[in-house]
Amino acid sequence: MSSRAQLTVTDLRRATRHPVDHKVIGEHRRLGDVHMRIVNISAHGFMTEGEISFERGERVVIRLPEVGRIEAHMIWTSGDRAGFQFERIIRLEDFMKLIDTLQPNPRLRPARR
């Protein structure tokens, strides 16, 4: 059985992304613990900066505040940046709590309605 994702939604880059600077340790099947720096995030996925030693479609599990453990699949790379799609969309309520935790600067947070 392949460990690579069967991606059905390949372009969610239009989703609103929120700038963050959050370091996580991902759990990768082959590489074990992988240090990652998330630089933006949406309810659908996130982007990292820094060297990533795995390929498109491979899975990683990360732990996010307010969300907990969530699996993501690498969908693209460009230089030292990589984009990941979550296995599931984060619920709006949980996502807003996540942003409040990851973006301490209120000017960067989305407006509340």
N, C-alpha and C. Protein backbone atom coordinates (compact mmCIF):
# COMPACT_ATOMS: atom_id res chain seq x y z
N MET A 1 0.85 -1.18 0.00
CA MET A 1 0.00 0.00 0.00
C MET A 1 0.89 1.24 0.00
N SER A 2 0.59 2.21 -0.84
CA SER A 2 1.38 3.42 -0.97
C SER A 2 1.09 4.39 0.17
N SER A 3 2.11 5.10 0.62
CA SER A 3 1.92 6.09 1.67
C SER A 3 1.65 7.47 1.08
N ARG A 4 1.62 7.56 -0.22
CA ARG A 4 1.38 8.85 -0.87
C ARG A 4 -0.11 9.15 -0.94
N ALA A 5 -0.42 10.42 -0.90
CA ALA A 5 -1.82 10.86 -0.90
C ALA A 5 -2.41 10.78 -2.29
N GLN A 6 -3.67 10.49 -2.33
CA GLN A 6 -4.43 10.57 -3.57
C GLN A 6 -5.18 11.90 -3.50
N LEU A 7 -4.55 12.97 -4.00
CA LEU A 7 -5.09 14.31 -3.85
C LEU A 7 -6.24 14.53 -4.82
N THR A 8 -7.37 14.96 -4.29
CA THR A 8 -8.53 15.21 -5.13
C THR A 8 -8.72 16.69 -5.37
N VAL A 9 -8.31 17.52 -4.45
CA VAL A 9 -8.42 18.97 -4.61
C VAL A 9 -7.01 19.49 -4.72
N THR A 10 -6.62 19.90 -5.93
CA THR A 10 -5.23 20.25 -6.15
C THR A 10 -4.96 21.74 -6.06
N ASP A 11 -6.00 22.58 -6.06
CA ASP A 11 -5.73 24.01 -6.03
C ASP A 11 -6.68 24.73 -5.09
N LEU A 12 -6.27 24.83 -3.83
CA LEU A 12 -7.04 25.59 -2.84
C LEU A 12 -6.28 26.87 -2.48
N ARG A 13 -5.38 27.30 -3.36
CA ARG A 13 -4.53 28.45 -3.04
C ARG A 13 -5.31 29.75 -3.02
N ARG A 14 -6.55 29.75 -3.44
CA ARG A 14 -7.35 30.96 -3.36
C ARG A 14 -7.92 31.19 -1.97
N ALA A 15 -7.81 30.21 -1.10
CA ALA A 15 -8.30 30.36 0.27
C ALA A 15 -7.49 31.45 0.98
N THR A 16 -8.15 32.19 1.87
CA THR A 16 -7.49 33.24 2.61
C THR A 16 -6.37 32.67 3.46
N ARG A 17 -5.18 33.20 3.27
CA ARG A 17 -4.02 32.75 4.04
C ARG A 17 -3.68 33.80 5.08
N HIS A 18 -3.26 33.34 6.23
CA HIS A 18 -2.92 34.22 7.33
C HIS A 18 -1.43 34.07 7.62
N PRO A 19 -0.68 35.19 7.64
CA PRO A 19 0.75 35.10 7.93
C PRO A 19 0.99 34.70 9.38
N VAL A 20 1.87 33.75 9.58
CA VAL A 20 2.25 33.30 10.93
C VAL A 20 3.73 32.98 10.91
N ASP A 21 4.29 32.74 12.05
CA ASP A 21 5.66 32.25 12.17
C ASP A 21 5.62 31.22 13.29
N HIS A 22 5.36 29.97 12.92
CA HIS A 22 5.10 28.93 13.92
C HIS A 22 5.95 27.70 13.60
N LYS A 23 6.77 27.31 14.56
CA LYS A 23 7.61 26.12 14.38
C LYS A 23 6.89 24.90 14.93
N VAL A 24 6.90 23.81 14.15
CA VAL A 24 6.29 22.55 14.57
C VAL A 24 7.26 21.41 14.28
N ILE A 25 7.01 20.31 14.93
CA ILE A 25 7.73 19.08 14.63
C ILE A 25 6.72 18.14 14.00
N GLY A 26 6.93 17.84 12.72
CA GLY A 26 6.05 16.94 12.02
C GLY A 26 6.49 15.50 12.19
N GLU A 27 5.53 14.59 12.12
CA GLU A 27 5.83 13.16 12.18
C GLU A 27 5.70 12.60 10.76
N HIS A 28 6.83 12.14 10.23
CA HIS A 28 6.88 11.60 8.87
C HIS A 28 7.16 10.11 8.95
N ARG A 29 6.46 9.32 8.15
CA ARG A 29 6.59 7.87 8.18
C ARG A 29 8.01 7.38 7.98
N ARG A 30 8.72 7.95 7.04
CA ARG A 30 10.07 7.48 6.70
C ARG A 30 11.16 8.23 7.46
N LEU A 31 10.97 9.52 7.66
CA LEU A 31 12.03 10.36 8.24
C LEU A 31 11.91 10.56 9.75
N GLY A 32 10.80 10.17 10.32
CA GLY A 32 10.59 10.40 11.75
C GLY A 32 10.22 11.85 12.01
N ASP A 33 10.81 12.44 13.05
CA ASP A 33 10.51 13.83 13.39
C ASP A 33 11.16 14.79 12.39
N VAL A 34 10.36 15.74 11.88
CA VAL A 34 10.82 16.71 10.90
C VAL A 34 10.50 18.10 11.43
N HIS A 35 11.51 18.95 11.55
CA HIS A 35 11.30 20.32 12.02
C HIS A 35 10.79 21.17 10.85
N MET A 36 9.70 21.89 11.08
CA MET A 36 9.08 22.70 10.03
C MET A 36 8.74 24.08 10.59
N ARG A 37 8.80 25.08 9.71
CA ARG A 37 8.43 26.45 10.08
C ARG A 37 7.28 26.88 9.18
N ILE A 38 6.09 27.00 9.78
CA ILE A 38 4.89 27.42 9.04
C ILE A 38 4.90 28.94 8.93
N VAL A 39 4.77 29.45 7.69
CA VAL A 39 4.79 30.90 7.47
C VAL A 39 3.45 31.46 7.07
N ASN A 40 2.54 30.62 6.59
CA ASN A 40 1.15 31.06 6.42
C ASN A 40 0.24 29.84 6.51
N ILE A 41 -1.03 30.12 6.85
CA ILE A 41 -1.95 29.02 7.12
C ILE A 41 -3.36 29.43 6.71
N SER A 42 -4.13 28.46 6.27
CA SER A 42 -5.55 28.65 5.99
C SER A 42 -6.29 27.46 6.58
N ALA A 43 -7.59 27.45 6.47
CA ALA A 43 -8.37 26.32 6.97
C ALA A 43 -8.14 25.07 6.13
N HIS A 44 -7.52 25.23 4.95
CA HIS A 44 -7.29 24.12 4.03
C HIS A 44 -5.86 23.59 4.06
N GLY A 45 -4.91 24.41 4.52
CA GLY A 45 -3.52 23.98 4.48
C GLY A 45 -2.56 25.03 4.98
N PHE A 46 -1.28 24.83 4.70
CA PHE A 46 -0.26 25.75 5.18
C PHE A 46 0.95 25.73 4.25
N MET A 47 1.79 26.77 4.40
CA MET A 47 3.04 26.84 3.65
C MET A 47 4.19 26.89 4.64
N THR A 48 5.27 26.20 4.29
CA THR A 48 6.48 26.22 5.12
C THR A 48 7.62 26.87 4.36
N GLU A 49 8.60 27.35 5.12
CA GLU A 49 9.87 27.79 4.56
C GLU A 49 10.96 26.99 5.24
N GLY A 50 11.97 26.65 4.48
CA GLY A 50 13.06 25.83 5.00
C GLY A 50 13.13 24.53 4.24
N GLU A 51 14.23 23.84 4.40
CA GLU A 51 14.46 22.60 3.66
C GLU A 51 13.47 21.51 4.08
N ILE A 52 12.87 20.87 3.11
CA ILE A 52 11.96 19.74 3.32
C ILE A 52 12.55 18.56 2.55
N SER A 53 12.69 17.41 3.22
CA SER A 53 13.35 16.26 2.61
C SER A 53 12.40 15.20 2.10
N PHE A 54 11.18 15.58 1.75
CA PHE A 54 10.29 14.59 1.17
C PHE A 54 9.60 15.17 -0.05
N GLU A 55 8.82 14.35 -0.72
CA GLU A 55 8.31 14.68 -2.04
C GLU A 55 6.81 14.95 -2.04
N ARG A 56 6.37 15.51 -3.16
CA ARG A 56 4.95 15.80 -3.36
C ARG A 56 4.12 14.55 -3.10
N GLY A 57 3.03 14.72 -2.35
CA GLY A 57 2.13 13.61 -2.06
C GLY A 57 2.42 12.91 -0.75
N GLU A 58 3.63 13.09 -0.21
CA GLU A 58 3.95 12.43 1.05
C GLU A 58 3.21 13.11 2.20
N ARG A 59 2.98 12.32 3.25
CA ARG A 59 2.17 12.77 4.39
C ARG A 59 3.03 13.14 5.58
N VAL A 60 2.51 14.09 6.36
CA VAL A 60 3.14 14.47 7.62
C VAL A 60 2.01 14.78 8.61
N VAL A 61 2.22 14.46 9.87
CA VAL A 61 1.26 14.77 10.91
C VAL A 61 1.87 15.86 11.77
N ILE A 62 1.11 16.94 11.99
CA ILE A 62 1.59 18.01 12.85
C ILE A 62 0.57 18.23 13.97
N ARG A 63 0.99 18.95 14.98
CA ARG A 63 0.10 19.30 16.09
C ARG A 63 -0.01 20.83 16.13
N LEU A 64 -1.26 21.32 16.02
CA LEU A 64 -1.53 22.75 16.04
C LEU A 64 -2.31 23.13 17.29
N PRO A 65 -2.07 24.33 17.84
CA PRO A 65 -2.87 24.78 18.97
C PRO A 65 -4.35 24.83 18.58
N GLU A 66 -5.22 24.48 19.48
CA GLU A 66 -6.68 24.52 19.30
C GLU A 66 -7.21 23.44 18.34
N VAL A 67 -6.35 22.88 17.50
CA VAL A 67 -6.77 21.89 16.51
C VAL A 67 -6.31 20.51 16.91
N GLY A 68 -5.11 20.41 17.46
CA GLY A 68 -4.54 19.12 17.81
C GLY A 68 -3.82 18.51 16.63
N ARG A 69 -3.74 17.18 16.63
CA ARG A 69 -3.05 16.46 15.55
C ARG A 69 -3.87 16.51 14.27
N ILE A 70 -3.17 16.82 13.19
CA ILE A 70 -3.83 16.85 11.88
C ILE A 70 -2.83 16.42 10.82
N GLU A 71 -3.29 15.62 9.89
CA GLU A 71 -2.45 15.12 8.81
C GLU A 71 -2.52 16.08 7.63
N ALA A 72 -1.40 16.22 6.94
CA ALA A 72 -1.34 17.06 5.75
C ALA A 72 -0.50 16.36 4.68
N HIS A 73 -0.75 16.72 3.43
CA HIS A 73 -0.05 16.14 2.28
C HIS A 73 0.67 17.27 1.55
N MET A 74 1.93 17.06 1.21
CA MET A 74 2.65 18.06 0.43
C MET A 74 2.07 18.09 -0.97
N ILE A 75 1.70 19.29 -1.43
CA ILE A 75 1.13 19.39 -2.77
C ILE A 75 2.02 20.15 -3.74
N TRP A 76 2.98 20.93 -3.23
CA TRP A 76 3.91 21.62 -4.13
C TRP A 76 5.18 22.03 -3.37
N THR A 77 6.24 22.25 -4.13
CA THR A 77 7.48 22.82 -3.60
C THR A 77 8.02 23.82 -4.60
N SER A 78 8.73 24.82 -4.08
CA SER A 78 9.39 25.81 -4.92
C SER A 78 10.55 26.37 -4.11
N GLY A 79 11.76 25.99 -4.48
CA GLY A 79 12.92 26.42 -3.71
C GLY A 79 12.84 25.87 -2.29
N ASP A 80 12.90 26.76 -1.31
CA ASP A 80 12.84 26.32 0.09
C ASP A 80 11.43 26.44 0.67
N ARG A 81 10.44 26.63 -0.19
CA ARG A 81 9.05 26.71 0.28
C ARG A 81 8.29 25.45 -0.14
N ALA A 82 7.28 25.09 0.67
CA ALA A 82 6.45 23.94 0.34
C ALA A 82 5.02 24.20 0.81
N GLY A 83 4.07 23.73 0.04
CA GLY A 83 2.66 23.88 0.37
C GLY A 83 2.05 22.54 0.75
N PHE A 84 1.22 22.56 1.79
CA PHE A 84 0.60 21.35 2.30
C PHE A 84 -0.91 21.54 2.37
N GLN A 85 -1.63 20.47 2.07
CA GLN A 85 -3.09 20.46 2.16
C GLN A 85 -3.49 19.58 3.34
N PHE A 86 -4.35 20.09 4.22
CA PHE A 86 -4.82 19.28 5.34
C PHE A 86 -5.69 18.15 4.84
N GLU A 87 -5.73 17.05 5.59
CA GLU A 87 -6.58 15.92 5.25
C GLU A 87 -8.06 16.29 5.38
N ARG A 88 -8.34 17.29 6.20
CA ARG A 88 -9.71 17.76 6.41
C ARG A 88 -9.65 19.27 6.61
N ILE A 89 -10.75 19.93 6.35
CA ILE A 89 -10.83 21.37 6.57
C ILE A 89 -11.01 21.62 8.06
N ILE A 90 -10.31 22.60 8.59
CA ILE A 90 -10.44 22.96 10.00
C ILE A 90 -11.74 23.76 10.17
N ARG A 91 -12.55 23.37 11.15
CA ARG A 91 -13.80 24.09 11.43
C ARG A 91 -13.53 25.56 11.69
N LEU A 92 -14.43 26.44 11.26
CA LEU A 92 -14.24 27.89 11.36
C LEU A 92 -13.95 28.32 12.80
N GLU A 93 -14.72 27.83 13.75
CA GLU A 93 -14.54 28.22 15.15
C GLU A 93 -13.13 27.85 15.63
N ASP A 94 -12.69 26.64 15.33
CA ASP A 94 -11.35 26.20 15.73
C ASP A 94 -10.27 26.98 14.99
N PHE A 95 -10.52 27.30 13.71
CA PHE A 95 -9.54 28.04 12.93
C PHE A 95 -9.36 29.45 13.49
N MET A 96 -10.44 30.11 13.88
CA MET A 96 -10.34 31.45 14.43
C MET A 96 -9.57 31.43 15.75
N LYS A 97 -9.77 30.41 16.58
CA LYS A 97 -9.00 30.28 17.82
C LYS A 97 -7.52 30.04 17.50
N LEU A 98 -7.26 29.23 16.47
CA LEU A 98 -5.89 28.96 16.05
C LEU A 98 -5.20 30.25 15.62
N ILE A 99 -5.85 31.05 14.81
CA ILE A 99 -5.27 32.30 14.34
C ILE A 99 -5.02 33.24 15.52
N ASP A 100 -5.95 33.32 16.45
CA ASP A 100 -5.75 34.16 17.63
C ASP A 100 -4.51 33.72 18.41
N THR A 101 -4.25 32.43 18.45
CA THR A 101 -3.08 31.91 19.16
C THR A 101 -1.79 32.16 18.37
N LEU A 102 -1.83 31.94 17.06
CA LEU A 102 -0.62 32.05 16.24
C LEU A 102 -0.28 33.47 15.80
N GLN A 103 -1.27 34.38 15.82
CA GLN A 103 -1.04 35.77 15.41
C GLN A 103 -1.27 36.69 16.59
N PRO A 104 -0.26 36.90 17.41
CA PRO A 104 -0.45 37.75 18.58
C PRO A 104 -0.71 39.22 18.22
N ASN A 105 -0.33 39.65 17.02
CA ASN A 105 -0.56 41.02 16.58
C ASN A 105 -2.00 41.15 16.08
N PRO A 106 -2.88 41.87 16.80
CA PRO A 106 -4.29 41.96 16.39
C PRO A 106 -4.49 42.59 15.01
N ARG A 107 -3.54 43.41 14.54
CA ARG A 107 -3.70 44.02 13.21
C ARG A 107 -3.60 42.99 12.09
N LEU A 108 -2.98 41.84 12.36
CA LEU A 108 -2.85 40.80 11.35
C LEU A 108 -4.01 39.82 11.36
N ARG A 109 -4.82 39.87 12.40
CA ARG A 109 -5.95 38.95 12.51
C ARG A 109 -7.09 39.39 11.61
N PRO A 110 -7.89 38.44 11.15
CA PRO A 110 -9.05 38.81 10.33
C PRO A 110 -10.08 39.56 11.15
N ALA A 111 -10.85 40.43 10.50
CA ALA A 111 -11.91 41.17 11.17
C ALA A 111 -13.01 40.22 11.61
N ARG A 112 -13.54 40.42 12.80
CA ARG A 112 -14.64 39.61 13.33
C ARG A 112 -15.96 40.23 12.89
N ARG A 113 -16.90 39.39 12.53
CA ARG A 113 -18.24 39.89 12.11
C ARG A 113 -19.23 39.68 13.20
